[in-house]
Amino acid sequence: MPKLMVESQEIPSATVPVRWCVTKDEVEALKKAEALNPHILLVVMSGSRETRYLLPLNQMMEYLQFFKPGPSQVFASIVWYCTGKAGKLQDLYLARKDDRYRNTVLNGEHDGLLEPQYLGYKHLGFDRLELVLPSELFAKEPPQWEQRWVNLWFETKPRDECQYRRRRILAYTIQPPAVLLWLTGLLGWRWLAAAFQLLLLCRRGVNLKPLVHPWRYKTEDIWDRAGETIFWREVGRRGEELPLLFLLPFAPIWPLVILLGLGLLYLRNPALLIWEIAAIIFGCSVGLMVLGTVLLFVSPALLRKLEEKQKAKWRKAQADYEELLCNGCSEVSFRALPPERQTIYLRFQDLKARVCQPFAR
């Protein structure tokens, strides 16, 4: 099984560096299965909150963010798709719907992954890591008055201090003139809507509070509870109300005007219009025939090139597996990785873990 490692059980930060390695049996199983582009799936469970990471297996480590104090669990398994496409794995394991992951990956006992219901998806091994995070590891909440202003344009709360700092820069530079411009346009539109309801529709009970309280009320509050208007007329036996004024833009005169314009264009030069249509149809037919002929001769060569490219990926993957072996090295540190694995991404994550702590949620 893939083995997860942390520096120690005494967690110094809510952003925890986690390293992984694989056994010789797993290396042999990956080679036998000819696994292209294998990834490691990390599932972080903090209470009912679930966070997933899908990372290349040869990345060797990642910095995991936790958002809830107390006990948490990290589950890991090696996954891959038959053709090596990482996008397929993302569609299965990371796709979300209604702010939740679309597919369940852990079984009911949380001791393994569910078997994928689609062909081509494979997984190998399973490991579990349990951590306890004290509440003092999380970032201190900013003042409430500032949070309302900084998060004004965002529907979700910031994950960590870095994201909050980026929003704060926006809040005190671009946001003030943009909000002033937005308020000016919003209030102008609301004054026009109120004038339309009062002076043109002659409605009773129009709510004018949205004109002076733009944050507290919505624009539709102006007319939602307003009374009747002289422009509504009861029609039919049941007394249905018909909004005559608002039906004016949908009058049948507009499609008639368009048809009349096309008719005049055709009468002005009918021969030219017919020949243009004929030329387009003929050109499309010839183009499709030429494209089909080209694909008939070129597709075998493209398939051979694609197969050679996949074999090259397979040979490279075989070489990468050896450095993932659990050879007794238990140091979980960015600098303990092989030089070629000390990527810019991990350098950035290492720096971010030092200066940005997550907020408890």
Protein backbone atom coordinates (compact mmCIF):
# COMPACT_ATOMS: atom_id res chain seq x y z
CA MET A 1 0.00 0.00 0.00
CA PRO A 2 1.15 3.64 -0.41
CA LYS A 3 2.64 4.82 2.85
CA LEU A 4 1.86 8.32 4.16
CA MET A 5 4.39 10.08 6.38
CA VAL A 6 4.41 13.27 8.46
CA GLU A 7 7.31 14.83 10.33
CA SER A 8 5.82 14.07 13.77
CA GLN A 9 2.48 13.65 15.50
CA GLU A 10 2.98 17.06 17.17
CA ILE A 11 1.66 19.16 14.33
CA PRO A 12 3.28 22.65 14.29
CA SER A 13 0.87 24.16 11.77
CA ALA A 14 -2.59 23.69 10.26
CA THR A 15 -0.82 23.30 6.89
CA VAL A 16 0.79 19.88 7.18
CA PRO A 17 3.49 18.57 4.82
CA VAL A 18 2.74 14.95 3.89
CA ARG A 19 5.07 12.66 1.98
CA TRP A 20 4.35 9.28 0.44
CA CYS A 21 6.25 6.27 -0.84
CA VAL A 22 5.37 2.87 -2.33
CA THR A 23 6.51 -0.70 -1.74
CA LYS A 24 8.27 -2.98 -4.22
CA ASP A 25 5.11 -5.04 -4.59
CA GLU A 26 3.21 -1.94 -5.66
CA VAL A 27 5.94 -0.99 -8.12
CA GLU A 28 5.71 -4.44 -9.67
CA ALA A 29 1.91 -4.21 -9.76
CA LEU A 30 2.10 -0.82 -11.53
CA LYS A 31 4.55 -2.20 -14.08
CA LYS A 32 2.44 -5.28 -14.66
CA ALA A 33 -0.68 -3.17 -15.15
CA GLU A 34 1.25 -0.82 -17.47
CA ALA A 35 -0.20 2.12 -15.52
CA LEU A 36 0.25 5.36 -17.44
CA ASN A 37 0.51 8.61 -15.51
CA PRO A 38 -0.51 7.25 -12.07
CA HIS A 39 -1.76 9.74 -9.49
CA ILE A 40 -2.26 9.62 -5.76
CA LEU A 41 -5.70 10.48 -4.43
CA LEU A 42 -5.68 12.09 -0.97
CA VAL A 43 -8.99 12.44 0.87
CA VAL A 44 -8.93 14.66 3.97
CA MET A 45 -11.83 14.14 6.39
CA SER A 46 -12.25 16.75 9.16
CA GLY A 47 -15.56 15.95 10.78
CA SER A 48 -18.09 16.08 7.94
CA ARG A 49 -15.88 18.29 5.76
CA GLU A 50 -14.18 16.48 2.89
CA THR A 51 -11.27 17.84 0.84
CA ARG A 52 -9.61 15.93 -1.99
CA TYR A 53 -6.22 16.24 -3.66
CA LEU A 54 -5.33 14.49 -6.92
CA LEU A 55 -1.58 14.69 -7.49
CA PRO A 56 1.01 13.00 -9.75
CA LEU A 57 2.46 10.02 -7.92
CA ASN A 58 6.03 11.15 -8.61
CA GLN A 59 5.44 14.53 -6.89
CA MET A 60 6.27 12.65 -3.67
CA MET A 61 4.83 15.19 -1.21
CA GLU A 62 2.15 17.85 -0.74
CA TYR A 63 1.12 20.45 1.83
CA LEU A 64 -2.40 19.69 3.08
CA GLN A 65 -4.57 22.41 4.60
CA PHE A 66 -6.91 21.59 7.47
CA PHE A 67 -9.87 23.80 8.35
CA LYS A 68 -11.23 22.29 11.57
CA PRO A 69 -9.53 21.71 14.92
CA GLY A 70 -9.68 18.27 16.45
CA PRO A 71 -9.16 14.81 14.95
CA SER A 72 -8.81 14.47 11.18
CA GLN A 73 -8.04 11.60 8.85
CA VAL A 74 -6.16 11.43 5.56
CA PHE A 75 -6.81 8.53 3.15
CA ALA A 76 -4.57 7.72 0.20
CA SER A 77 -4.75 5.42 -2.81
CA ILE A 78 -2.97 5.19 -6.17
CA VAL A 79 -5.31 5.76 -9.14
CA TRP A 80 -4.88 5.93 -12.90
CA TYR A 81 -6.82 5.80 -16.16
CA CYS A 82 -6.04 3.30 -18.89
CA THR A 83 -4.90 5.95 -21.42
CA GLY A 84 -3.05 8.07 -18.87
CA LYS A 85 -5.36 11.10 -19.18
CA ALA A 86 -5.35 13.09 -15.94
CA GLY A 87 -8.52 14.89 -17.03
CA LYS A 88 -10.48 11.64 -16.76
CA LEU A 89 -9.34 11.22 -13.16
CA GLN A 90 -10.35 14.79 -12.34
CA ASP A 91 -13.81 14.19 -13.80
CA LEU A 92 -14.31 11.15 -11.57
CA TYR A 93 -12.68 12.19 -8.30
CA LEU A 94 -12.79 16.02 -8.21
CA ALA A 95 -16.02 16.93 -10.04
CA ARG A 96 -18.40 18.90 -7.83
CA LYS A 97 -22.14 19.57 -7.84
CA ASP A 98 -24.01 21.87 -5.45
CA ASP A 99 -20.82 22.54 -3.46
CA ARG A 100 -20.27 18.79 -2.90
CA TYR A 101 -18.24 16.15 -4.67
CA ARG A 102 -20.33 14.43 -7.31
CA ASN A 103 -18.98 10.92 -6.72
CA THR A 104 -18.38 9.07 -3.45
CA VAL A 105 -14.93 7.47 -3.34
CA LEU A 106 -14.62 5.96 0.16
CA ASN A 107 -16.56 2.88 1.17
CA GLY A 108 -18.80 2.85 4.22
CA GLU A 109 -16.09 1.58 6.60
CA HIS A 110 -13.49 4.07 5.28
CA ASP A 111 -10.98 1.27 4.79
CA GLY A 112 -10.81 1.34 0.99
CA LEU A 113 -11.98 2.96 -2.23
CA LEU A 114 -15.19 2.04 -3.96
CA GLU A 115 -14.74 0.21 -7.23
CA PRO A 116 -15.22 2.69 -10.13
CA GLN A 117 -18.41 2.12 -12.07
CA TYR A 118 -16.75 3.11 -15.36
CA LEU A 119 -14.31 1.14 -17.49
CA GLY A 120 -10.69 2.23 -17.63
CA TYR A 121 -10.35 3.53 -14.04
CA LYS A 122 -7.98 1.61 -11.76
CA HIS A 123 -6.77 1.98 -8.18
CA LEU A 124 -4.13 0.25 -6.09
CA GLY A 125 -3.44 0.13 -2.33
CA PHE A 126 -4.88 2.14 0.53
CA ASP A 127 -3.45 3.92 3.57
CA ARG A 128 -4.85 5.98 6.43
CA LEU A 129 -3.26 8.71 8.53
CA GLU A 130 -4.82 10.14 11.69
CA LEU A 131 -3.95 13.61 13.01
CA VAL A 132 -5.16 15.84 15.86
CA LEU A 133 -4.95 19.59 15.30
CA PRO A 134 -5.18 22.00 18.27
CA SER A 135 -7.29 25.14 17.80
CA GLU A 136 -4.30 27.46 18.38
CA LEU A 137 -2.75 26.35 15.08
CA PHE A 138 -5.39 28.19 13.03
CA ALA A 139 -5.25 31.81 11.98
CA LYS A 140 -6.94 34.46 14.10
CA GLU A 141 -10.16 35.78 12.65
CA PRO A 142 -10.00 39.39 11.37
CA PRO A 143 -12.49 41.96 12.74
CA GLN A 144 -16.06 41.43 11.58
CA TRP A 145 -16.42 44.96 10.17
CA GLU A 146 -13.38 44.45 7.96
CA GLN A 147 -14.49 40.97 6.86
CA ARG A 148 -17.77 42.41 5.55
CA TRP A 149 -15.89 44.91 3.43
CA VAL A 150 -13.05 42.61 2.28
CA ASN A 151 -15.43 39.74 1.35
CA LEU A 152 -18.01 42.03 -0.26
CA TRP A 153 -17.49 40.65 -3.78
CA PHE A 154 -16.99 37.01 -2.76
CA GLU A 155 -19.61 34.38 -1.92
CA THR A 156 -17.24 32.16 0.10
CA LYS A 157 -15.03 32.93 3.06
CA PRO A 158 -11.24 32.97 2.53
CA ARG A 159 -9.42 29.68 3.09
CA ASP A 160 -6.29 31.12 4.68
CA GLU A 161 -4.41 34.32 5.50
CA CYS A 162 -2.87 34.57 2.01
CA GLN A 163 -6.24 34.55 0.29
CA TYR A 164 -7.53 37.12 2.78
CA ARG A 165 -4.52 39.38 2.13
CA ARG A 166 -5.12 39.25 -1.62
CA ARG A 167 -8.75 40.21 -1.06
CA ARG A 168 -7.67 42.99 1.31
CA ILE A 169 -5.40 44.51 -1.35
CA LEU A 170 -8.34 44.51 -3.75
CA ALA A 171 -10.67 45.92 -1.08
CA TYR A 172 -8.51 48.99 -0.40
CA THR A 173 -7.37 49.76 -3.96
CA ILE A 174 -9.79 48.88 -6.76
CA GLN A 175 -12.90 48.19 -4.70
CA PRO A 176 -13.71 51.73 -3.38
CA PRO A 177 -14.06 53.47 -6.79
CA ALA A 178 -15.67 50.35 -8.28
CA VAL A 179 -18.22 50.18 -5.44
CA LEU A 180 -18.91 53.92 -5.80
CA LEU A 181 -19.50 53.47 -9.53
CA TRP A 182 -21.68 50.42 -8.87
CA LEU A 183 -23.71 52.27 -6.24
CA THR A 184 -24.19 55.22 -8.58
CA GLY A 185 -25.49 52.97 -11.35
CA LEU A 186 -27.60 50.88 -8.95
CA LEU A 187 -29.25 53.88 -7.30
CA GLY A 188 -29.81 55.52 -10.69
CA TRP A 189 -31.53 52.37 -11.93
CA ARG A 190 -33.63 52.15 -8.75
CA TRP A 191 -34.74 55.79 -9.03
CA LEU A 192 -35.76 55.14 -12.64
CA ALA A 193 -37.64 52.00 -11.60
CA ALA A 194 -39.43 53.84 -8.79
CA ALA A 195 -40.35 56.71 -11.13
CA PHE A 196 -41.63 54.20 -13.68
CA GLN A 197 -43.79 52.48 -11.06
CA LEU A 198 -45.13 55.73 -9.58
CA LEU A 199 -45.44 58.11 -12.54
CA LEU A 200 -46.09 55.81 -15.50
CA LEU A 201 -47.85 52.80 -13.99
CA CYS A 202 -49.50 54.78 -11.18
CA ARG A 203 -49.09 51.93 -8.71
CA ARG A 204 -49.86 52.21 -5.02
CA GLY A 205 -47.63 51.01 -2.20
CA VAL A 206 -44.31 51.35 -4.05
CA ASN A 207 -41.44 50.71 -1.59
CA LEU A 208 -38.91 53.58 -1.60
CA LYS A 209 -36.60 52.15 1.08
CA PRO A 210 -34.26 50.48 -1.50
CA LEU A 211 -33.45 54.01 -2.73
CA VAL A 212 -31.77 54.97 0.55
CA HIS A 213 -30.68 51.53 1.83
CA PRO A 214 -28.88 49.86 -1.13
CA TRP A 215 -27.26 47.13 0.99
CA ARG A 216 -30.33 46.13 2.98
CA TYR A 217 -32.87 45.84 0.17
CA LYS A 218 -32.97 44.39 -3.33
CA THR A 219 -34.09 46.26 -6.43
CA GLU A 220 -37.17 44.08 -6.87
CA ASP A 221 -38.34 45.10 -3.38
CA ILE A 222 -39.48 48.38 -4.98
CA TRP A 223 -42.38 46.76 -6.83
CA ASP A 224 -42.82 43.30 -5.32
CA ARG A 225 -45.56 44.34 -2.87
CA ALA A 226 -46.95 47.29 -4.80
CA GLY A 227 -50.65 47.54 -5.58
CA GLU A 228 -52.56 47.52 -8.85
CA THR A 229 -51.95 49.74 -11.87
CA ILE A 230 -54.23 51.23 -14.49
CA PHE A 231 -52.28 49.40 -17.19
CA TRP A 232 -53.46 45.98 -16.03
CA ARG A 233 -56.77 44.93 -17.53
CA GLU A 234 -59.01 42.06 -16.58
CA VAL A 235 -59.85 39.86 -19.56
CA GLY A 236 -61.84 36.66 -20.00
CA ARG A 237 -64.54 35.16 -17.84
CA ARG A 238 -62.21 34.39 -14.95
CA GLY A 239 -60.87 37.93 -14.76
CA GLU A 240 -57.25 37.14 -15.71
CA GLU A 241 -54.94 40.15 -15.62
CA LEU A 242 -53.15 41.07 -18.84
CA PRO A 243 -50.08 43.39 -18.71
CA LEU A 244 -50.77 45.30 -21.92
CA LEU A 245 -47.82 47.67 -21.59
CA PHE A 246 -45.20 44.95 -21.25
CA LEU A 247 -46.49 43.02 -24.26
CA LEU A 248 -45.64 45.88 -26.60
CA PRO A 249 -42.04 44.74 -27.36
CA PHE A 250 -43.37 41.26 -28.24
CA ALA A 251 -45.94 42.47 -30.76
CA PRO A 252 -46.13 40.49 -34.04
CA ILE A 253 -45.00 43.58 -35.96
CA TRP A 254 -41.30 42.96 -35.24
CA PRO A 255 -40.93 39.52 -36.96
CA LEU A 256 -43.04 40.89 -39.83
CA VAL A 257 -40.59 43.77 -40.28
CA ILE A 258 -37.68 41.30 -40.39
CA LEU A 259 -39.41 39.09 -42.97
CA LEU A 260 -40.27 42.13 -45.06
CA GLY A 261 -36.63 43.23 -45.07
CA LEU A 262 -35.47 39.79 -46.23
CA GLY A 263 -38.12 39.80 -48.95
CA LEU A 264 -37.00 43.19 -50.25
CA LEU A 265 -33.37 42.00 -50.29
CA TYR A 266 -34.37 38.95 -52.33
CA LEU A 267 -36.46 41.02 -54.79
CA ARG A 268 -33.60 43.46 -55.31
CA ASN A 269 -31.19 40.81 -56.59
CA PRO A 270 -32.71 37.30 -56.47
CA ALA A 271 -30.21 35.65 -58.82
CA LEU A 272 -27.21 36.72 -56.75
CA LEU A 273 -28.77 35.42 -53.52
CA ILE A 274 -29.59 32.02 -55.04
CA TRP A 275 -26.10 31.62 -56.48
CA GLU A 276 -24.56 32.51 -53.11
CA ILE A 277 -26.59 29.81 -51.37
CA ALA A 278 -25.69 27.26 -54.05
CA ALA A 279 -21.98 28.16 -53.79
CA ILE A 280 -22.00 27.72 -50.01
CA ILE A 281 -23.67 24.30 -50.24
CA PHE A 282 -21.30 23.16 -52.99
CA GLY A 283 -18.23 24.42 -51.08
CA CYS A 284 -19.26 22.65 -47.88
CA SER A 285 -19.83 19.36 -49.75
CA VAL A 286 -16.45 19.50 -51.47
CA GLY A 287 -14.72 20.46 -48.21
CA LEU A 288 -16.22 17.49 -46.36
CA MET A 289 -15.18 15.13 -49.15
CA VAL A 290 -11.60 16.42 -49.11
CA LEU A 291 -11.43 16.25 -45.29
CA GLY A 292 -12.71 12.65 -45.30
CA THR A 293 -10.13 11.64 -47.92
CA VAL A 294 -7.27 13.23 -45.96
CA LEU A 295 -8.32 11.56 -42.70
CA LEU A 296 -8.55 8.21 -44.46
CA PHE A 297 -4.83 8.31 -45.32
CA VAL A 298 -3.48 10.30 -42.37
CA SER A 299 -5.27 8.65 -39.43
CA PRO A 300 -3.14 5.42 -39.39
CA ALA A 301 0.04 7.49 -39.14
CA LEU A 302 -1.45 9.61 -36.35
CA LEU A 303 -2.47 6.50 -34.43
CA ARG A 304 1.05 5.05 -34.73
CA LYS A 305 2.58 8.30 -33.48
CA LEU A 306 0.17 8.40 -30.56
CA GLU A 307 1.01 4.81 -29.64
CA GLU A 308 4.75 5.58 -29.71
CA LYS A 309 4.17 8.61 -27.48
CA GLN A 310 2.26 6.48 -24.96
CA LYS A 311 5.06 3.89 -24.95
CA ALA A 312 7.58 6.67 -24.24
CA LYS A 313 5.43 7.77 -21.30
CA TRP A 314 5.31 4.17 -20.07
CA ARG A 315 9.12 3.81 -20.19
CA LYS A 316 9.58 7.09 -18.33
CA ALA A 317 7.01 6.08 -15.73
CA GLN A 318 8.89 2.81 -15.11
CA ALA A 319 12.05 4.77 -14.37
CA ASP A 320 10.21 7.14 -12.02
CA TYR A 321 8.81 4.34 -9.88
CA GLU A 322 12.21 3.40 -8.45
CA GLU A 323 12.69 6.70 -6.62
CA LEU A 324 9.28 6.29 -4.96
CA LEU A 325 10.32 3.17 -3.05
CA CYS A 326 10.10 3.22 0.74
CA ASN A 327 13.84 2.82 1.37
CA GLY A 328 13.91 3.84 5.01
CA CYS A 329 13.92 7.59 4.45
CA SER A 330 11.30 9.04 6.81
CA GLU A 331 12.25 12.72 6.69
CA VAL A 332 9.25 14.77 5.58
CA SER A 333 10.87 17.90 4.26
CA PHE A 334 10.95 19.75 0.98
CA ARG A 335 14.76 19.75 1.06
CA ALA A 336 14.88 15.99 1.63
CA LEU A 337 13.37 15.29 -1.78
CA PRO A 338 15.57 14.42 -4.77
CA PRO A 339 16.78 17.61 -6.50
CA GLU A 340 14.64 16.98 -9.60
CA ARG A 341 11.52 16.76 -7.36
CA GLN A 342 12.14 20.09 -5.64
CA THR A 343 9.85 21.86 -8.07
CA ILE A 344 8.83 25.51 -8.09
CA TYR A 345 5.33 24.47 -7.04
CA LEU A 346 6.59 22.72 -3.89
CA ARG A 347 8.94 25.63 -3.14
CA PHE A 348 5.96 27.96 -3.24
CA GLN A 349 3.87 25.62 -1.08
CA ASP A 350 6.70 25.39 1.45
CA LEU A 351 6.90 29.19 1.68
CA LYS A 352 3.13 29.55 1.86
CA ALA A 353 2.92 27.03 4.72
CA ARG A 354 5.20 29.28 6.78
CA VAL A 355 3.38 32.57 6.30
CA CYS A 356 -0.27 31.57 5.66
CA GLN A 357 -2.34 29.72 8.22
CA PRO A 358 -5.84 28.44 7.37
CA PHE A 359 -8.93 29.80 9.10
CA ALA A 360 -10.95 27.39 11.22
CA ARG A 361 -14.35 26.62 9.68
